[in-house]
Amino acid sequence: MGLQADLDAGLRGALKAGQSERVSVLRLLLAAIKNRQIDKGKSRPLTEAELLEVVVTASKQRREAIELYKQGGRQELADKESRELTILAEFLPAPVTAEEVEAKITEAVRETGATGPKDMGKLMKWLMPHLAGRVDGAQLSERVKARLNQLTAA
């Protein structure tokens, strides 16, 4: 079953169970998917990768909102965003371990022939499709930078 079918089934289940917060989160996510489809001007459904990208974006927005609400002393809103993030996380692939990320970076360096910091874009372009939704892009970027700096120093 694909991600779209999982989301539709999740919404139906939440509606039947009377879980208003879950219904709200899933409806917003499905609306974001529909908007992405319209933005892309496609008459076909989004691919699994495009769907995953929408879920990742929504999750990232929730994480950023949690931080801002905590900084602003609005713990009740941070808690609400945290609950929404938990719901969205159900539709994301399992996160990768640090060792798996390092292994992928090593594979990317070998595949792309990267030799230093100037190859950052090439490496990220190779890595993101392989790790989409499973690792935070900013954290991945930091690890890639560190690895490329090691290559230059060696």
N, C-alpha and C. Protein backbone atom coordinates (compact mmCIF):
# COMPACT_ATOMS: atom_id res chain seq x y z
N MET A 1 0.86 -1.18 0.00
CA MET A 1 0.00 0.00 0.00
C MET A 1 0.90 1.24 0.00
N GLY A 2 0.58 2.21 -0.85
CA GLY A 2 1.39 3.40 -0.97
C GLY A 2 1.06 4.43 0.10
N LEU A 3 1.85 5.48 0.12
CA LEU A 3 1.70 6.53 1.12
C LEU A 3 0.33 7.22 1.01
N GLN A 4 -0.11 7.48 -0.22
CA GLN A 4 -1.42 8.13 -0.41
C GLN A 4 -2.53 7.25 0.18
N ALA A 5 -2.46 5.96 -0.07
CA ALA A 5 -3.47 5.04 0.46
C ALA A 5 -3.39 4.98 1.99
N ASP A 6 -2.17 5.02 2.53
CA ASP A 6 -2.01 5.02 3.99
C ASP A 6 -2.65 6.27 4.61
N LEU A 7 -2.43 7.41 3.96
CA LEU A 7 -3.00 8.66 4.46
C LEU A 7 -4.52 8.63 4.40
N ASP A 8 -5.05 8.15 3.28
CA ASP A 8 -6.51 8.07 3.14
C ASP A 8 -7.10 7.13 4.18
N ALA A 9 -6.45 5.98 4.38
CA ALA A 9 -6.93 5.01 5.38
C ALA A 9 -6.82 5.60 6.79
N GLY A 10 -5.74 6.32 7.05
CA GLY A 10 -5.57 6.96 8.35
C GLY A 10 -6.66 7.98 8.63
N LEU A 11 -7.02 8.75 7.60
CA LEU A 11 -8.08 9.74 7.76
C LEU A 11 -9.43 9.06 8.01
N ARG A 12 -9.72 8.02 7.24
CA ARG A 12 -10.98 7.30 7.45
C ARG A 12 -11.05 6.72 8.87
N GLY A 13 -9.95 6.13 9.30
CA GLY A 13 -9.92 5.55 10.65
C GLY A 13 -10.10 6.60 11.73
N ALA A 14 -9.47 7.75 11.54
CA ALA A 14 -9.59 8.83 12.52
C ALA A 14 -11.00 9.39 12.55
N LEU A 15 -11.62 9.49 11.38
CA LEU A 15 -13.01 9.97 11.33
C LEU A 15 -13.94 9.00 12.07
N LYS A 16 -13.77 7.71 11.83
CA LYS A 16 -14.61 6.71 12.48
C LYS A 16 -14.40 6.69 13.99
N ALA A 17 -13.15 6.91 14.41
CA ALA A 17 -12.82 6.86 15.84
C ALA A 17 -13.10 8.18 16.55
N GLY A 18 -13.44 9.22 15.78
CA GLY A 18 -13.74 10.52 16.39
C GLY A 18 -12.50 11.22 16.94
N GLN A 19 -11.34 11.00 16.31
CA GLN A 19 -10.09 11.62 16.76
C GLN A 19 -9.92 12.96 16.03
N SER A 20 -10.46 14.01 16.59
CA SER A 20 -10.52 15.30 15.89
C SER A 20 -9.14 15.87 15.56
N GLU A 21 -8.20 15.76 16.49
CA GLU A 21 -6.86 16.31 16.21
C GLU A 21 -6.19 15.56 15.07
N ARG A 22 -6.31 14.25 15.07
CA ARG A 22 -5.73 13.42 14.00
C ARG A 22 -6.40 13.74 12.66
N VAL A 23 -7.71 13.90 12.66
CA VAL A 23 -8.44 14.25 11.44
C VAL A 23 -7.93 15.58 10.90
N SER A 24 -7.77 16.54 11.79
CA SER A 24 -7.30 17.87 11.39
C SER A 24 -5.91 17.80 10.74
N VAL A 25 -5.00 17.08 11.38
CA VAL A 25 -3.63 16.98 10.86
C VAL A 25 -3.63 16.30 9.49
N LEU A 26 -4.36 15.21 9.36
CA LEU A 26 -4.37 14.48 8.10
C LEU A 26 -5.07 15.26 6.99
N ARG A 27 -6.11 16.00 7.33
CA ARG A 27 -6.77 16.83 6.32
C ARG A 27 -5.83 17.94 5.83
N LEU A 28 -5.12 18.55 6.76
CA LEU A 28 -4.15 19.58 6.36
C LEU A 28 -3.06 18.99 5.47
N LEU A 29 -2.60 17.81 5.81
CA LEU A 29 -1.57 17.15 5.01
C LEU A 29 -2.10 16.80 3.62
N LEU A 30 -3.30 16.27 3.54
CA LEU A 30 -3.88 15.94 2.24
C LEU A 30 -4.13 17.20 1.41
N ALA A 31 -4.48 18.30 2.06
CA ALA A 31 -4.64 19.57 1.35
C ALA A 31 -3.29 20.05 0.81
N ALA A 32 -2.24 19.89 1.60
CA ALA A 32 -0.90 20.28 1.15
C ALA A 32 -0.47 19.44 -0.05
N ILE A 33 -0.83 18.16 -0.03
CA ILE A 33 -0.52 17.28 -1.16
C ILE A 33 -1.26 17.75 -2.41
N LYS A 34 -2.53 18.07 -2.24
CA LYS A 34 -3.34 18.56 -3.37
C LYS A 34 -2.75 19.87 -3.91
N ASN A 35 -2.34 20.77 -3.02
CA ASN A 35 -1.73 22.03 -3.45
C ASN A 35 -0.43 21.78 -4.21
N ARG A 36 0.37 20.84 -3.74
CA ARG A 36 1.62 20.51 -4.44
C ARG A 36 1.33 19.99 -5.83
N GLN A 37 0.30 19.18 -5.93
CA GLN A 37 -0.07 18.62 -7.23
C GLN A 37 -0.50 19.75 -8.17
N ILE A 38 -1.27 20.69 -7.67
CA ILE A 38 -1.72 21.83 -8.48
C ILE A 38 -0.53 22.70 -8.86
N ASP A 39 0.38 22.96 -7.91
CA ASP A 39 1.57 23.78 -8.19
C ASP A 39 2.41 23.17 -9.30
N LYS A 40 2.52 21.87 -9.29
CA LYS A 40 3.33 21.20 -10.30
C LYS A 40 2.59 21.11 -11.63
N GLY A 41 1.30 21.41 -11.62
CA GLY A 41 0.54 21.40 -12.86
C GLY A 41 0.40 20.02 -13.45
N LYS A 42 0.33 19.05 -12.59
CA LYS A 42 0.27 17.68 -13.08
C LYS A 42 -1.15 17.16 -13.03
N SER A 43 -1.50 16.42 -14.05
CA SER A 43 -2.82 15.79 -14.06
C SER A 43 -2.74 14.39 -13.47
N ARG A 44 -1.54 13.95 -13.14
CA ARG A 44 -1.36 12.63 -12.54
C ARG A 44 -1.10 12.79 -11.04
N PRO A 45 -1.33 11.72 -10.29
CA PRO A 45 -1.03 11.79 -8.86
C PRO A 45 0.47 11.97 -8.62
N LEU A 46 0.82 12.49 -7.45
CA LEU A 46 2.23 12.66 -7.11
C LEU A 46 2.89 11.30 -6.91
N THR A 47 4.18 11.23 -7.18
CA THR A 47 4.93 10.00 -6.95
C THR A 47 5.12 9.81 -5.45
N GLU A 48 5.55 8.62 -5.06
CA GLU A 48 5.81 8.34 -3.65
C GLU A 48 6.85 9.32 -3.10
N ALA A 49 7.89 9.61 -3.89
CA ALA A 49 8.94 10.54 -3.44
C ALA A 49 8.37 11.94 -3.24
N GLU A 50 7.49 12.38 -4.12
CA GLU A 50 6.88 13.70 -3.99
C GLU A 50 5.94 13.75 -2.79
N LEU A 51 5.21 12.67 -2.56
CA LEU A 51 4.34 12.60 -1.38
C LEU A 51 5.16 12.66 -0.10
N LEU A 52 6.25 11.90 -0.09
CA LEU A 52 7.12 11.88 1.08
C LEU A 52 7.70 13.27 1.34
N GLU A 53 8.03 13.97 0.27
CA GLU A 53 8.57 15.33 0.40
C GLU A 53 7.57 16.25 1.10
N VAL A 54 6.30 16.11 0.79
CA VAL A 54 5.26 16.93 1.43
C VAL A 54 5.17 16.60 2.92
N VAL A 55 5.22 15.32 3.27
CA VAL A 55 5.16 14.91 4.68
C VAL A 55 6.40 15.42 5.42
N VAL A 56 7.57 15.32 4.79
CA VAL A 56 8.80 15.81 5.41
C VAL A 56 8.72 17.31 5.65
N THR A 57 8.21 18.05 4.67
CA THR A 57 8.06 19.50 4.81
C THR A 57 7.12 19.85 5.97
N ALA A 58 6.00 19.15 6.05
CA ALA A 58 5.04 19.40 7.13
C ALA A 58 5.67 19.10 8.48
N SER A 59 6.45 18.03 8.56
CA SER A 59 7.12 17.67 9.81
C SER A 59 8.14 18.73 10.21
N LYS A 60 8.89 19.20 9.23
CA LYS A 60 9.89 20.23 9.49
C LYS A 60 9.22 21.52 9.99
N GLN A 61 8.09 21.87 9.40
CA GLN A 61 7.35 23.05 9.85
C GLN A 61 6.92 22.90 11.30
N ARG A 62 6.49 21.71 11.68
CA ARG A 62 6.08 21.47 13.07
C ARG A 62 7.27 21.59 14.02
N ARG A 63 8.41 21.02 13.64
CA ARG A 63 9.61 21.12 14.50
C ARG A 63 10.03 22.57 14.70
N GLU A 64 10.00 23.35 13.62
CA GLU A 64 10.36 24.77 13.73
C GLU A 64 9.36 25.51 14.61
N ALA A 65 8.07 25.20 14.46
CA ALA A 65 7.04 25.86 15.27
C ALA A 65 7.22 25.51 16.75
N ILE A 66 7.57 24.26 17.04
CA ILE A 66 7.79 23.85 18.43
C ILE A 66 8.88 24.71 19.06
N GLU A 67 9.97 24.88 18.35
CA GLU A 67 11.08 25.70 18.87
C GLU A 67 10.64 27.14 19.11
N LEU A 68 9.93 27.71 18.14
CA LEU A 68 9.49 29.10 18.27
C LEU A 68 8.51 29.28 19.42
N TYR A 69 7.59 28.33 19.58
CA TYR A 69 6.63 28.42 20.68
C TYR A 69 7.34 28.28 22.02
N LYS A 70 8.33 27.42 22.10
CA LYS A 70 9.07 27.27 23.36
C LYS A 70 9.83 28.55 23.68
N GLN A 71 10.43 29.16 22.67
CA GLN A 71 11.16 30.41 22.88
C GLN A 71 10.22 31.52 23.32
N GLY A 72 8.99 31.48 22.80
CA GLY A 72 8.01 32.51 23.15
C GLY A 72 7.24 32.20 24.42
N GLY A 73 7.58 31.11 25.11
CA GLY A 73 6.92 30.77 26.35
C GLY A 73 5.50 30.25 26.17
N ARG A 74 5.21 29.67 25.02
CA ARG A 74 3.87 29.16 24.73
C ARG A 74 3.89 27.63 24.72
N GLN A 75 4.08 27.05 25.88
CA GLN A 75 4.25 25.60 26.00
C GLN A 75 3.03 24.82 25.50
N GLU A 76 1.82 25.37 25.73
CA GLU A 76 0.61 24.66 25.30
C GLU A 76 0.57 24.51 23.78
N LEU A 77 1.03 25.55 23.07
CA LEU A 77 1.07 25.47 21.60
C LEU A 77 2.21 24.54 21.14
N ALA A 78 3.32 24.57 21.86
CA ALA A 78 4.43 23.66 21.54
C ALA A 78 3.99 22.21 21.73
N ASP A 79 3.21 21.95 22.77
CA ASP A 79 2.71 20.59 23.01
C ASP A 79 1.76 20.15 21.89
N LYS A 80 0.92 21.06 21.43
CA LYS A 80 -0.02 20.76 20.34
C LYS A 80 0.76 20.41 19.08
N GLU A 81 1.76 21.22 18.75
CA GLU A 81 2.59 20.96 17.56
C GLU A 81 3.33 19.63 17.71
N SER A 82 3.76 19.33 18.91
CA SER A 82 4.46 18.07 19.18
C SER A 82 3.54 16.87 18.93
N ARG A 83 2.30 16.98 19.35
CA ARG A 83 1.34 15.90 19.10
C ARG A 83 1.09 15.74 17.60
N GLU A 84 1.01 16.86 16.89
CA GLU A 84 0.82 16.80 15.44
C GLU A 84 2.04 16.16 14.77
N LEU A 85 3.23 16.50 15.25
CA LEU A 85 4.46 15.91 14.70
C LEU A 85 4.47 14.40 14.90
N THR A 86 3.98 13.94 16.04
CA THR A 86 3.90 12.50 16.31
C THR A 86 2.98 11.81 15.30
N ILE A 87 1.88 12.46 14.97
CA ILE A 87 0.96 11.90 13.97
C ILE A 87 1.63 11.83 12.61
N LEU A 88 2.31 12.90 12.22
CA LEU A 88 3.00 12.92 10.92
C LEU A 88 4.11 11.88 10.86
N ALA A 89 4.80 11.67 11.97
CA ALA A 89 5.92 10.72 12.01
C ALA A 89 5.48 9.31 11.65
N GLU A 90 4.21 9.00 11.88
CA GLU A 90 3.70 7.67 11.53
C GLU A 90 3.79 7.40 10.02
N PHE A 91 3.83 8.45 9.23
CA PHE A 91 3.83 8.31 7.78
C PHE A 91 5.20 8.51 7.16
N LEU A 92 6.20 8.68 8.00
CA LEU A 92 7.58 8.82 7.53
C LEU A 92 8.30 7.48 7.66
N PRO A 93 9.28 7.23 6.78
CA PRO A 93 10.07 6.01 6.94
C PRO A 93 10.88 6.06 8.23
N ALA A 94 11.31 4.91 8.69
CA ALA A 94 12.10 4.85 9.92
C ALA A 94 13.39 5.65 9.75
N PRO A 95 13.79 6.43 10.78
CA PRO A 95 15.02 7.21 10.67
C PRO A 95 16.24 6.28 10.58
N VAL A 96 17.29 6.79 9.96
CA VAL A 96 18.52 6.01 9.84
C VAL A 96 19.42 6.29 11.03
N THR A 97 20.28 5.35 11.33
CA THR A 97 21.25 5.52 12.42
C THR A 97 22.43 6.34 11.91
N ALA A 98 23.23 6.81 12.84
CA ALA A 98 24.42 7.59 12.48
C ALA A 98 25.36 6.75 11.61
N GLU A 99 25.46 5.46 11.93
CA GLU A 99 26.35 4.58 11.16
C GLU A 99 25.85 4.42 9.73
N GLU A 100 24.52 4.31 9.57
CA GLU A 100 23.96 4.18 8.23
C GLU A 100 24.19 5.46 7.41
N VAL A 101 24.08 6.61 8.07
CA VAL A 101 24.32 7.88 7.38
C VAL A 101 25.78 7.95 6.93
N GLU A 102 26.69 7.58 7.81
CA GLU A 102 28.12 7.60 7.45
C GLU A 102 28.40 6.64 6.30
N ALA A 103 27.76 5.48 6.31
CA ALA A 103 27.96 4.51 5.23
C ALA A 103 27.45 5.07 3.90
N LYS A 104 26.31 5.75 3.94
CA LYS A 104 25.76 6.35 2.72
C LYS A 104 26.67 7.47 2.21
N ILE A 105 27.21 8.26 3.14
CA ILE A 105 28.12 9.33 2.73
C ILE A 105 29.35 8.73 2.07
N THR A 106 29.88 7.66 2.65
CA THR A 106 31.04 6.99 2.07
C THR A 106 30.71 6.48 0.67
N GLU A 107 29.54 5.88 0.53
CA GLU A 107 29.11 5.38 -0.78
C GLU A 107 28.96 6.54 -1.77
N ALA A 108 28.40 7.65 -1.32
CA ALA A 108 28.21 8.81 -2.19
C ALA A 108 29.54 9.38 -2.64
N VAL A 109 30.51 9.45 -1.73
CA VAL A 109 31.85 9.96 -2.09
C VAL A 109 32.46 9.05 -3.16
N ARG A 110 32.33 7.76 -2.97
CA ARG A 110 32.89 6.80 -3.93
C ARG A 110 32.18 6.92 -5.29
N GLU A 111 30.85 6.99 -5.27
CA GLU A 111 30.07 7.05 -6.51
C GLU A 111 30.28 8.35 -7.29
N THR A 112 30.37 9.47 -6.57
CA THR A 112 30.48 10.76 -7.25
C THR A 112 31.91 11.19 -7.50
N GLY A 113 32.85 10.55 -6.82
CA GLY A 113 34.25 10.95 -6.97
C GLY A 113 34.55 12.28 -6.30
N ALA A 114 33.83 12.61 -5.27
CA ALA A 114 34.01 13.88 -4.55
C ALA A 114 35.40 13.93 -3.92
N THR A 115 36.01 15.12 -4.00
CA THR A 115 37.36 15.27 -3.46
C THR A 115 37.48 16.38 -2.42
N GLY A 116 36.49 17.25 -2.32
CA GLY A 116 36.59 18.34 -1.37
C GLY A 116 35.29 19.12 -1.26
N PRO A 117 35.33 20.22 -0.50
CA PRO A 117 34.12 21.02 -0.25
C PRO A 117 33.40 21.51 -1.51
N LYS A 118 34.13 21.66 -2.60
CA LYS A 118 33.48 22.14 -3.83
C LYS A 118 32.48 21.12 -4.38
N ASP A 119 32.56 19.89 -3.92
CA ASP A 119 31.66 18.83 -4.39
C ASP A 119 30.44 18.64 -3.48
N MET A 120 30.20 19.58 -2.58
CA MET A 120 29.10 19.49 -1.62
C MET A 120 27.76 19.29 -2.33
N GLY A 121 27.48 20.10 -3.33
CA GLY A 121 26.20 20.02 -4.05
C GLY A 121 26.02 18.67 -4.73
N LYS A 122 27.08 18.18 -5.33
CA LYS A 122 27.03 16.89 -6.02
C LYS A 122 26.70 15.77 -5.03
N LEU A 123 27.33 15.81 -3.86
CA LEU A 123 27.10 14.78 -2.85
C LEU A 123 25.67 14.86 -2.30
N MET A 124 25.21 16.06 -1.98
CA MET A 124 23.86 16.22 -1.43
C MET A 124 22.81 15.78 -2.46
N LYS A 125 23.06 16.09 -3.73
CA LYS A 125 22.13 15.69 -4.78
C LYS A 125 22.04 14.16 -4.86
N TRP A 126 23.15 13.49 -4.64
CA TRP A 126 23.16 12.02 -4.66
C TRP A 126 22.50 11.45 -3.41
N LEU A 127 22.76 12.07 -2.25
CA LEU A 127 22.30 11.53 -0.97
C LEU A 127 20.80 11.73 -0.71
N MET A 128 20.27 12.88 -1.05
CA MET A 128 18.89 13.20 -0.66
C MET A 128 17.86 12.19 -1.15
N PRO A 129 17.91 11.74 -2.39
CA PRO A 129 16.92 10.73 -2.78
C PRO A 129 17.06 9.42 -1.99
N HIS A 130 18.28 9.10 -1.57
CA HIS A 130 18.51 7.86 -0.83
C HIS A 130 18.08 7.97 0.63
N LEU A 131 18.09 9.18 1.18
CA LEU A 131 17.81 9.35 2.60
C LEU A 131 16.60 10.24 2.88
N ALA A 132 15.85 10.57 1.87
CA ALA A 132 14.71 11.49 2.02
C ALA A 132 13.75 11.01 3.09
N GLY A 133 13.43 11.90 4.00
CA GLY A 133 12.48 11.60 5.05
C GLY A 133 13.05 10.78 6.20
N ARG A 134 14.28 10.35 6.06
CA ARG A 134 14.86 9.48 7.08
C ARG A 134 15.92 10.19 7.92
N VAL A 135 16.36 11.36 7.45
CA VAL A 135 17.37 12.13 8.17
C VAL A 135 17.11 13.61 7.91
N ASP A 136 17.40 14.44 8.90
CA ASP A 136 17.24 15.88 8.77
C ASP A 136 18.28 16.41 7.79
N GLY A 137 17.85 17.21 6.83
CA GLY A 137 18.74 17.73 5.80
C GLY A 137 19.88 18.56 6.36
N ALA A 138 19.61 19.36 7.39
CA ALA A 138 20.66 20.20 7.98
C ALA A 138 21.72 19.35 8.66
N GLN A 139 21.29 18.32 9.37
CA GLN A 139 22.25 17.42 10.02
C GLN A 139 23.08 16.67 8.98
N LEU A 140 22.43 16.24 7.91
CA LEU A 140 23.14 15.54 6.84
C LEU A 140 24.17 16.48 6.21
N SER A 141 23.78 17.70 5.98
CA SER A 141 24.67 18.69 5.38
C SER A 141 25.92 18.89 6.24
N GLU A 142 25.72 18.97 7.56
CA GLU A 142 26.87 19.14 8.47
C GLU A 142 27.81 17.94 8.39
N ARG A 143 27.25 16.75 8.36
CA ARG A 143 28.08 15.54 8.28
C ARG A 143 28.84 15.47 6.96
N VAL A 144 28.16 15.85 5.87
CA VAL A 144 28.81 15.84 4.55
C VAL A 144 29.95 16.86 4.53
N LYS A 145 29.71 18.05 5.08
CA LYS A 145 30.76 19.07 5.15
C LYS A 145 31.98 18.56 5.90
N ALA A 146 31.71 17.94 7.05
CA ALA A 146 32.82 17.40 7.86
C ALA A 146 33.60 16.36 7.07
N ARG A 147 32.90 15.47 6.38
CA ARG A 147 33.58 14.43 5.60
C ARG A 147 34.40 15.04 4.47
N LEU A 148 33.84 16.03 3.78
CA LEU A 148 34.57 16.67 2.68
C LEU A 148 35.79 17.41 3.19
N ASN A 149 35.69 18.02 4.36
CA ASN A 149 36.85 18.69 4.96
C ASN A 149 37.92 17.68 5.34
N GLN A 150 37.52 16.49 5.77
CA GLN A 150 38.47 15.41 6.08
C GLN A 150 39.20 14.98 4.81
N LEU A 151 38.46 14.91 3.70
CA LEU A 151 39.08 14.50 2.44
C LEU A 151 40.14 15.51 2.00
N THR A 152 39.84 16.78 2.22
CA THR A 152 40.77 17.84 1.84
C THR A 152 42.02 17.80 2.73
N ALA A 153 41.82 17.55 4.03
CA ALA A 153 42.93 17.53 4.98
C ALA A 153 43.82 16.31 4.79
N ALA A 154 43.25 15.23 4.27
CA ALA A 154 44.03 13.99 4.12
C ALA A 154 45.00 14.02 2.99
